[in-house]
PDB file of N, CA and C in Angstrom:
ATOM      1  N   MET A   1       0.844  -1.157   0.000  1.00  0.00           N
ATOM      2  CA  MET A   1       0.000   0.000   0.000  1.00  0.00           C
ATOM      3  C   MET A   1       0.898   1.232   0.000  1.00  0.00           C
ATOM      4  N   ILE A   2       0.530   2.214  -0.733  1.00  0.00           N
ATOM      5  CA  ILE A   2       1.262   3.476  -0.779  1.00  0.00           C
ATOM      6  C   ILE A   2       0.326   4.562  -0.283  1.00  0.00           C
ATOM      7  N   CYS A   3       0.779   5.287   0.739  1.00  0.00           N
ATOM      8  CA  CYS A   3      -0.035   6.367   1.282  1.00  0.00           C
ATOM      9  C   CYS A   3       0.879   7.363   1.986  1.00  0.00           C
ATOM     10  N   ALA A   4       0.312   8.479   2.365  1.00  0.00           N
ATOM     11  CA  ALA A   4       1.054   9.486   3.120  1.00  0.00           C
ATOM     12  C   ALA A   4       1.504   8.884   4.451  1.00  0.00           C
ATOM     13  N   ALA A   5       2.710   9.221   4.881  1.00  0.00           N
ATOM     14  CA  ALA A   5       3.260   8.663   6.118  1.00  0.00           C
ATOM     15  C   ALA A   5       2.332   8.899   7.302  1.00  0.00           C
ATOM     16  N   ALA A   6       1.677  10.026   7.329  1.00  0.00           N
ATOM     17  CA  ALA A   6       0.780  10.346   8.440  1.00  0.00           C
ATOM     18  C   ALA A   6      -0.447   9.437   8.478  1.00  0.00           C
ATOM     19  N   ARG A   7      -0.724   8.742   7.389  1.00  0.00           N
ATOM     20  CA  ARG A   7      -1.904   7.875   7.297  1.00  0.00           C
ATOM     21  C   ARG A   7      -1.610   6.404   7.596  1.00  0.00           C
ATOM     22  N   VAL A   8      -0.341   6.075   7.830  1.00  0.00           N
ATOM     23  CA  VAL A   8       0.007   4.676   8.107  1.00  0.00           C
ATOM     24  C   VAL A   8      -0.515   4.308   9.499  1.00  0.00           C
ATOM     25  N   PRO A   9      -1.308   3.253   9.581  1.00  0.00           N
ATOM     26  CA  PRO A   9      -1.842   2.853  10.891  1.00  0.00           C
ATOM     27  C   PRO A   9      -0.735   2.457  11.861  1.00  0.00           C
ATOM     28  N   ALA A  10      -0.952   2.691  13.123  1.00  0.00           N
ATOM     29  CA  ALA A  10       0.009   2.312  14.152  1.00  0.00           C
ATOM     30  C   ALA A  10       0.270   0.812  14.068  1.00  0.00           C
ATOM     31  N   GLY A  11       1.525   0.453  14.232  1.00  0.00           N
ATOM     32  CA  GLY A  11       1.902  -0.949  14.230  1.00  0.00           C
ATOM     33  C   GLY A  11       2.159  -1.545  12.856  1.00  0.00           C
ATOM     34  N   VAL A  12       1.952  -0.764  11.804  1.00  0.00           N
ATOM     35  CA  VAL A  12       2.186  -1.254  10.442  1.00  0.00           C
ATOM     36  C   VAL A  12       3.587  -0.844  10.016  1.00  0.00           C
ATOM     37  N   ARG A  13       4.348  -1.820   9.521  1.00  0.00           N
ATOM     38  CA  ARG A  13       5.711  -1.530   9.060  1.00  0.00           C
ATOM     39  C   ARG A  13       5.654  -0.602   7.852  1.00  0.00           C
ATOM     40  N   GLN A  14       6.546   0.393   7.855  1.00  0.00           N
ATOM     41  CA  GLN A  14       6.582   1.342   6.746  1.00  0.00           C
ATOM     42  C   GLN A  14       8.012   1.630   6.354  1.00  0.00           C
ATOM     43  N   ASP A  15       8.180   2.224   5.203  1.00  0.00           N
ATOM     44  CA  ASP A  15       9.498   2.583   4.702  1.00  0.00           C
ATOM     45  C   ASP A  15       9.399   3.976   4.105  1.00  0.00           C
ATOM     46  N   GLY A  16      10.460   4.706   4.168  1.00  0.00           N
ATOM     47  CA  GLY A  16      10.459   6.051   3.596  1.00  0.00           C
ATOM     48  C   GLY A  16      11.441   6.930   4.312  1.00  0.00           C
ATOM     49  N   PRO A  17      11.425   8.166   4.088  1.00  0.00           N
ATOM     50  CA  PRO A  17      10.508   8.918   3.224  1.00  0.00           C
ATOM     51  C   PRO A  17      10.862   8.754   1.749  1.00  0.00           C
ATOM     52  N   TRP A  18       9.864   8.896   0.919  1.00  0.00           N
ATOM     53  CA  TRP A  18       9.983   8.773  -0.521  1.00  0.00           C
ATOM     54  C   TRP A  18       9.652  10.100  -1.182  1.00  0.00           C
ATOM     55  N   ARG A  19      10.169  10.281  -2.390  1.00  0.00           N
ATOM     56  CA  ARG A  19       9.786  11.406  -3.241  1.00  0.00           C
ATOM     57  C   ARG A  19       9.261  10.829  -4.539  1.00  0.00           C
ATOM     58  N   ALA A  20       8.219  11.405  -5.068  1.00  0.00           N
ATOM     59  CA  ALA A  20       7.592  10.907  -6.293  1.00  0.00           C
ATOM     60  C   ALA A  20       7.993  11.764  -7.485  1.00  0.00           C
ATOM     61  N   LEU A  21       8.374  11.106  -8.548  1.00  0.00           N
ATOM     62  CA  LEU A  21       8.647  11.759  -9.820  1.00  0.00           C
ATOM     63  C   LEU A  21       7.549  11.331 -10.785  1.00  0.00           C
ATOM     64  N   LYS A  22       6.805  12.274 -11.295  1.00  0.00           N
ATOM     65  CA  LYS A  22       5.715  11.970 -12.232  1.00  0.00           C
ATOM     66  C   LYS A  22       6.249  11.996 -13.650  1.00  0.00           C
ATOM     67  N   VAL A  23       5.953  10.943 -14.379  1.00  0.00           N
ATOM     68  CA  VAL A  23       6.340  10.867 -15.782  1.00  0.00           C
ATOM     69  C   VAL A  23       5.304  11.650 -16.578  1.00  0.00           C
ATOM     70  N   ALA A  24       5.770  12.566 -17.406  1.00  0.00           N
ATOM     71  CA  ALA A  24       4.841  13.381 -18.194  1.00  0.00           C
ATOM     72  C   ALA A  24       4.024  12.479 -19.099  1.00  0.00           C
ATOM     73  N   GLY A  25       2.747  12.569 -18.992  1.00  0.00           N
ATOM     74  CA  GLY A  25       1.830  11.759 -19.787  1.00  0.00           C
ATOM     75  C   GLY A  25       0.786  12.679 -20.370  1.00  0.00           C
ATOM     76  N   PRO A  26      -0.275  12.183 -20.835  1.00  0.00           N
ATOM     77  CA  PRO A  26      -0.659  10.772 -20.785  1.00  0.00           C
ATOM     78  C   PRO A  26       0.015   9.959 -21.883  1.00  0.00           C
ATOM     79  N   PHE A  27       0.115   8.654 -21.620  1.00  0.00           N
ATOM     80  CA  PHE A  27       0.636   7.699 -22.582  1.00  0.00           C
ATOM     81  C   PHE A  27      -0.500   6.788 -23.012  1.00  0.00           C
ATOM     82  N   ASP A  28      -0.441   6.371 -24.256  1.00  0.00           N
ATOM     83  CA  ASP A  28      -1.351   5.331 -24.711  1.00  0.00           C
ATOM     84  C   ASP A  28      -1.058   4.074 -23.902  1.00  0.00           C
ATOM     85  N   PHE A  29      -2.082   3.344 -23.525  1.00  0.00           N
ATOM     86  CA  PHE A  29      -1.912   2.162 -22.684  1.00  0.00           C
ATOM     87  C   PHE A  29      -0.984   1.125 -23.313  1.00  0.00           C
ATOM     88  N   GLY A  30      -0.862   1.126 -24.626  1.00  0.00           N
ATOM     89  CA  GLY A  30       0.007   0.174 -25.313  1.00  0.00           C
ATOM     90  C   GLY A  30       1.462   0.588 -25.401  1.00  0.00           C
ATOM     91  N   THR A  31       1.803   1.774 -24.906  1.00  0.00           N
ATOM     92  CA  THR A  31       3.186   2.237 -24.946  1.00  0.00           C
ATOM     93  C   THR A  31       4.044   1.360 -24.039  1.00  0.00           C
ATOM     94  N   THR A  32       5.166   0.898 -24.561  1.00  0.00           N
ATOM     95  CA  THR A  32       6.048   0.036 -23.777  1.00  0.00           C
ATOM     96  C   THR A  32       7.413   0.680 -23.593  1.00  0.00           C
ATOM     97  N   GLY A  33       8.124   0.250 -22.549  1.00  0.00           N
ATOM     98  CA  GLY A  33       9.504   0.667 -22.338  1.00  0.00           C
ATOM     99  C   GLY A  33       9.703   1.947 -21.555  1.00  0.00           C
ATOM    100  N   VAL A  34       8.638   2.581 -21.109  1.00  0.00           N
ATOM    101  CA  VAL A  34       8.770   3.860 -20.408  1.00  0.00           C
ATOM    102  C   VAL A  34       9.536   3.670 -19.099  1.00  0.00           C
ATOM    103  N   ILE A  35       9.083   2.754 -18.264  1.00  0.00           N
ATOM    104  CA  ILE A  35       9.756   2.525 -16.985  1.00  0.00           C
ATOM    105  C   ILE A  35      11.172   2.026 -17.213  1.00  0.00           C
ATOM    106  N   ALA A  36      11.377   1.158 -18.191  1.00  0.00           N
ATOM    107  CA  ALA A  36      12.714   0.629 -18.476  1.00  0.00           C
ATOM    108  C   ALA A  36      13.686   1.755 -18.822  1.00  0.00           C
ATOM    109  N   ALA A  37      13.226   2.712 -19.624  1.00  0.00           N
ATOM    110  CA  ALA A  37      14.095   3.825 -20.025  1.00  0.00           C
ATOM    111  C   ALA A  37      14.468   4.709 -18.847  1.00  0.00           C
ATOM    112  N   LEU A  38      13.606   4.761 -17.850  1.00  0.00           N
ATOM    113  CA  LEU A  38      13.886   5.580 -16.670  1.00  0.00           C
ATOM    114  C   LEU A  38      14.613   4.781 -15.593  1.00  0.00           C
ATOM    115  N   ALA A  39      14.347   3.499 -15.524  1.00  0.00           N
ATOM    116  CA  ALA A  39      14.978   2.661 -14.501  1.00  0.00           C
ATOM    117  C   ALA A  39      16.461   2.434 -14.776  1.00  0.00           C
ATOM    118  N   ARG A  40      16.826   2.341 -16.029  1.00  0.00           N
ATOM    119  CA  ARG A  40      18.228   2.050 -16.366  1.00  0.00           C
ATOM    120  C   ARG A  40      19.201   3.066 -15.788  1.00  0.00           C
ATOM    121  N   PRO A  41      19.019   4.367 -16.023  1.00  0.00           N
ATOM    122  CA  PRO A  41      19.987   5.309 -15.453  1.00  0.00           C
ATOM    123  C   PRO A  41      20.001   5.279 -13.929  1.00  0.00           C
ATOM    124  N   LEU A  42      18.857   5.040 -13.319  1.00  0.00           N
ATOM    125  CA  LEU A  42      18.819   4.973 -11.865  1.00  0.00           C
ATOM    126  C   LEU A  42      19.554   3.731 -11.368  1.00  0.00           C
ATOM    127  N   ALA A  43      19.334   2.601 -12.023  1.00  0.00           N
ATOM    128  CA  ALA A  43      20.022   1.368 -11.631  1.00  0.00           C
ATOM    129  C   ALA A  43      21.526   1.517 -11.778  1.00  0.00           C
ATOM    130  N   GLU A  44      21.956   2.114 -12.874  1.00  0.00           N
ATOM    131  CA  GLU A  44      23.390   2.297 -13.091  1.00  0.00           C
ATOM    132  C   GLU A  44      24.007   3.242 -12.066  1.00  0.00           C
ATOM    133  N   ALA A  45      23.183   4.131 -11.498  1.00  0.00           N
ATOM    134  CA  ALA A  45      23.663   5.043 -10.450  1.00  0.00           C
ATOM    135  C   ALA A  45      23.503   4.418  -9.056  1.00  0.00           C
ATOM    136  N   GLY A  46      23.000   3.186  -8.993  1.00  0.00           N
ATOM    137  CA  GLY A  46      22.828   2.506  -7.714  1.00  0.00           C
ATOM    138  C   GLY A  46      21.636   3.004  -6.916  1.00  0.00           C
ATOM    139  N   ILE A  47      20.633   3.519  -7.609  1.00  0.00           N
ATOM    140  CA  ILE A  47      19.455   4.092  -6.953  1.00  0.00           C
ATOM    141  C   ILE A  47      18.265   3.151  -7.122  1.00  0.00           C
ATOM    142  N   SER A  48      17.695   2.737  -6.013  1.00  0.00           N
ATOM    143  CA  SER A  48      16.507   1.893  -6.047  1.00  0.00           C
ATOM    144  C   SER A  48      15.284   2.745  -6.343  1.00  0.00           C
ATOM    145  N   LEU A  49      14.284   2.120  -6.954  1.00  0.00           N
ATOM    146  CA  LEU A  49      13.059   2.846  -7.223  1.00  0.00           C
ATOM    147  C   LEU A  49      11.870   1.933  -7.019  1.00  0.00           C
ATOM    148  N   LEU A  50      10.754   2.550  -6.793  1.00  0.00           N
ATOM    149  CA  LEU A  50       9.477   1.858  -6.699  1.00  0.00           C
ATOM    150  C   LEU A  50       8.589   2.450  -7.785  1.00  0.00           C
ATOM    151  N   PRO A  51       8.368   1.711  -8.888  1.00  0.00           N
ATOM    152  CA  PRO A  51       7.518   2.243  -9.952  1.00  0.00           C
ATOM    153  C   PRO A  51       6.042   2.063  -9.619  1.00  0.00           C
ATOM    154  N   VAL A  52       5.251   3.045  -9.980  1.00  0.00           N
ATOM    155  CA  VAL A  52       3.809   2.987  -9.802  1.00  0.00           C
ATOM    156  C   VAL A  52       3.183   3.371 -11.142  1.00  0.00           C
ATOM    157  N   ALA A  53       2.376   2.468 -11.668  1.00  0.00           N
ATOM    158  CA  ALA A  53       1.738   2.712 -12.956  1.00  0.00           C
ATOM    159  C   ALA A  53       0.263   3.031 -12.749  1.00  0.00           C
ATOM    160  N   THR A  54      -0.215   4.006 -13.489  1.00  0.00           N
ATOM    161  CA  THR A  54      -1.636   4.315 -13.513  1.00  0.00           C
ATOM    162  C   THR A  54      -2.115   4.144 -14.945  1.00  0.00           C
ATOM    163  N   PHE A  55      -3.358   4.428 -15.187  1.00  0.00           N
ATOM    164  CA  PHE A  55      -3.924   4.223 -16.516  1.00  0.00           C
ATOM    165  C   PHE A  55      -3.211   5.024 -17.591  1.00  0.00           C
ATOM    166  N   ASP A  56      -2.862   6.288 -17.317  1.00  0.00           N
ATOM    167  CA  ASP A  56      -2.308   7.121 -18.384  1.00  0.00           C
ATOM    168  C   ASP A  56      -0.942   7.731 -18.107  1.00  0.00           C
ATOM    169  N   THR A  57      -0.334   7.440 -16.966  1.00  0.00           N
ATOM    170  CA  THR A  57       1.034   7.893 -16.721  1.00  0.00           C
ATOM    171  C   THR A  57       1.658   7.004 -15.656  1.00  0.00           C
ATOM    172  N   ASP A  58       2.915   7.255 -15.357  1.00  0.00           N
ATOM    173  CA  ASP A  58       3.645   6.474 -14.368  1.00  0.00           C
ATOM    174  C   ASP A  58       4.318   7.414 -13.379  1.00  0.00           C
ATOM    175  N   TYR A  59       4.679   6.850 -12.243  1.00  0.00           N
ATOM    176  CA  TYR A  59       5.414   7.572 -11.220  1.00  0.00           C
ATOM    177  C   TYR A  59       6.602   6.726 -10.798  1.00  0.00           C
ATOM    178  N   LEU A  60       7.691   7.386 -10.464  1.00  0.00           N
ATOM    179  CA  LEU A  60       8.843   6.715  -9.890  1.00  0.00           C
ATOM    180  C   LEU A  60       8.994   7.230  -8.475  1.00  0.00           C
ATOM    181  N   LEU A  61       9.000   6.348  -7.509  1.00  0.00           N
ATOM    182  CA  LEU A  61       9.257   6.737  -6.134  1.00  0.00           C
ATOM    183  C   LEU A  61      10.699   6.397  -5.815  1.00  0.00           C
ATOM    184  N   VAL A  62      11.435   7.384  -5.325  1.00  0.00           N
ATOM    185  CA  VAL A  62      12.821   7.193  -4.909  1.00  0.00           C
ATOM    186  C   VAL A  62      12.943   7.678  -3.473  1.00  0.00           C
ATOM    187  N   LYS A  63      13.894   7.132  -2.759  1.00  0.00           N
ATOM    188  CA  LYS A  63      14.113   7.581  -1.391  1.00  0.00           C
ATOM    189  C   LYS A  63      14.454   9.070  -1.420  1.00  0.00           C
ATOM    190  N   ALA A  64      13.944   9.801  -0.453  1.00  0.00           N
ATOM    191  CA  ALA A  64      14.135  11.253  -0.410  1.00  0.00           C
ATOM    192  C   ALA A  64      15.611  11.619  -0.467  1.00  0.00           C
ATOM    193  N   GLY A  65      16.455  10.847   0.196  1.00  0.00           N
ATOM    194  CA  GLY A  65      17.893  11.131   0.210  1.00  0.00           C
ATOM    195  C   GLY A  65      18.575  10.906  -1.126  1.00  0.00           C
ATOM    196  N   ALA A  66      17.913  10.219  -2.042  1.00  0.00           N
ATOM    197  CA  ALA A  66      18.484   9.933  -3.360  1.00  0.00           C
ATOM    198  C   ALA A  66      17.877  10.814  -4.452  1.00  0.00           C
ATOM    199  N   LEU A  67      17.031  11.763  -4.076  1.00  0.00           N
ATOM    200  CA  LEU A  67      16.343  12.570  -5.086  1.00  0.00           C
ATOM    201  C   LEU A  67      17.318  13.330  -5.980  1.00  0.00           C
ATOM    202  N   ASP A  68      18.248  14.051  -5.394  1.00  0.00           N
ATOM    203  CA  ASP A  68      19.179  14.846  -6.210  1.00  0.00           C
ATOM    204  C   ASP A  68      19.979  13.964  -7.158  1.00  0.00           C
ATOM    205  N   ASP A  69      20.494  12.834  -6.654  1.00  0.00           N
ATOM    206  CA  ASP A  69      21.254  11.922  -7.509  1.00  0.00           C
ATOM    207  C   ASP A  69      20.361  11.317  -8.588  1.00  0.00           C
ATOM    208  N   SER A  70      19.091  11.097  -8.275  1.00  0.00           N
ATOM    209  CA  SER A  70      18.151  10.567  -9.261  1.00  0.00           C
ATOM    210  C   SER A  70      17.962  11.551 -10.406  1.00  0.00           C
ATOM    211  N   LEU A  71      17.787  12.808 -10.058  1.00  0.00           N
ATOM    212  CA  LEU A  71      17.599  13.835 -11.090  1.00  0.00           C
ATOM    213  C   LEU A  71      18.828  13.941 -11.981  1.00  0.00           C
ATOM    214  N   ILE A  72      20.007  13.895 -11.376  1.00  0.00           N
ATOM    215  CA  ILE A  72      21.256  13.956 -12.146  1.00  0.00           C
ATOM    216  C   ILE A  72      21.365  12.755 -13.074  1.00  0.00           C
ATOM    217  N   ALA A  73      21.058  11.564 -12.558  1.00  0.00           N
ATOM    218  CA  ALA A  73      21.150  10.342 -13.370  1.00  0.00           C
ATOM    219  C   ALA A  73      20.187  10.404 -14.550  1.00  0.00           C
ATOM    220  N   LEU A  74      18.965  10.834 -14.315  1.00  0.00           N
ATOM    221  CA  LEU A  74      17.981  10.922 -15.393  1.00  0.00           C
ATOM    222  C   LEU A  74      18.400  11.948 -16.442  1.00  0.00           C
ATOM    223  N   GLN A  75      18.878  13.095 -15.988  1.00  0.00           N
ATOM    224  CA  GLN A  75      19.305  14.137 -16.920  1.00  0.00           C
ATOM    225  C   GLN A  75      20.518  13.681 -17.730  1.00  0.00           C
ATOM    226  N   SER A  76      21.395  12.889 -17.126  1.00  0.00           N
ATOM    227  CA  SER A  76      22.588  12.432 -17.846  1.00  0.00           C
ATOM    228  C   SER A  76      22.221  11.509 -19.009  1.00  0.00           C
ATOM    229  N   TYR A  77      21.035  10.925 -18.983  1.00  0.00           N
ATOM    230  CA  TYR A  77      20.537  10.100 -20.066  1.00  0.00           C
ATOM    231  C   TYR A  77      19.656  10.883 -21.038  1.00  0.00           C
ATOM    232  N   GLY A  78      19.574  12.188 -20.840  1.00  0.00           N
ATOM    233  CA  GLY A  78      18.804  13.018 -21.762  1.00  0.00           C
ATOM    234  C   GLY A  78      17.354  13.207 -21.399  1.00  0.00           C
ATOM    235  N   HIS A  79      16.959  12.726 -20.219  1.00  0.00           N
ATOM    236  CA  HIS A  79      15.576  12.938 -19.789  1.00  0.00           C
ATOM    237  C   HIS A  79      15.425  14.364 -19.263  1.00  0.00           C
ATOM    238  N   SER A  80      14.319  14.994 -19.592  1.00  0.00           N
ATOM    239  CA  SER A  80      14.015  16.336 -19.104  1.00  0.00           C
ATOM    240  C   SER A  80      13.355  16.221 -17.733  1.00  0.00           C
ATOM    241  N   VAL A  81      13.842  17.000 -16.788  1.00  0.00           N
ATOM    242  CA  VAL A  81      13.301  16.960 -15.428  1.00  0.00           C
ATOM    243  C   VAL A  81      12.838  18.358 -15.068  1.00  0.00           C
ATOM    244  N   GLN A  82      11.592  18.464 -14.658  1.00  0.00           N
ATOM    245  CA  GLN A  82      11.046  19.742 -14.213  1.00  0.00           C
ATOM    246  C   GLN A  82      10.541  19.563 -12.784  1.00  0.00           C
ATOM    247  N   LEU A  83      10.993  20.427 -11.903  1.00  0.00           N
ATOM    248  CA  LEU A  83      10.536  20.384 -10.524  1.00  0.00           C
ATOM    249  C   LEU A  83       9.375  21.348 -10.359  1.00  0.00           C
ATOM    250  N   PRO A  84       8.434  20.998  -9.499  1.00  0.00           N
ATOM    251  CA  PRO A  84       7.299  21.910  -9.272  1.00  0.00           C
ATOM    252  C   PRO A  84       7.781  23.219  -8.668  1.00  0.00           C
ATOM    253  N   ALA A  85       7.073  24.290  -8.964  1.00  0.00           N
ATOM    254  CA  ALA A  85       7.425  25.599  -8.390  1.00  0.00           C
ATOM    255  C   ALA A  85       7.188  25.566  -6.895  1.00  0.00           C
ATOM    256  N   GLY A  86       8.030  26.314  -6.173  1.00  0.00           N
ATOM    257  CA  GLY A  86       7.846  26.424  -4.733  1.00  0.00           C
ATOM    258  C   GLY A  86       8.629  25.513  -4.008  1.00  0.00           C
TER     259      GLY A  86
END
């Protein structure tokens, strides 16, 4: 289950904190290789990820402490990264 840390019931094991990277979509449901193209640079940088797929886009969850290195790894492969304002 993925939820806000404040919503985890007492006594339930949890992991985090995580940061979510939203893949710009929407994608046609038949599009393949999106997660693979993003996972490769992260794997090569030694960064674990938790992929989450929805109907029309995907999210990559990375540990909060690995966010900066994740952005660098993705950009080094030519992926465009935009951070939200604020």
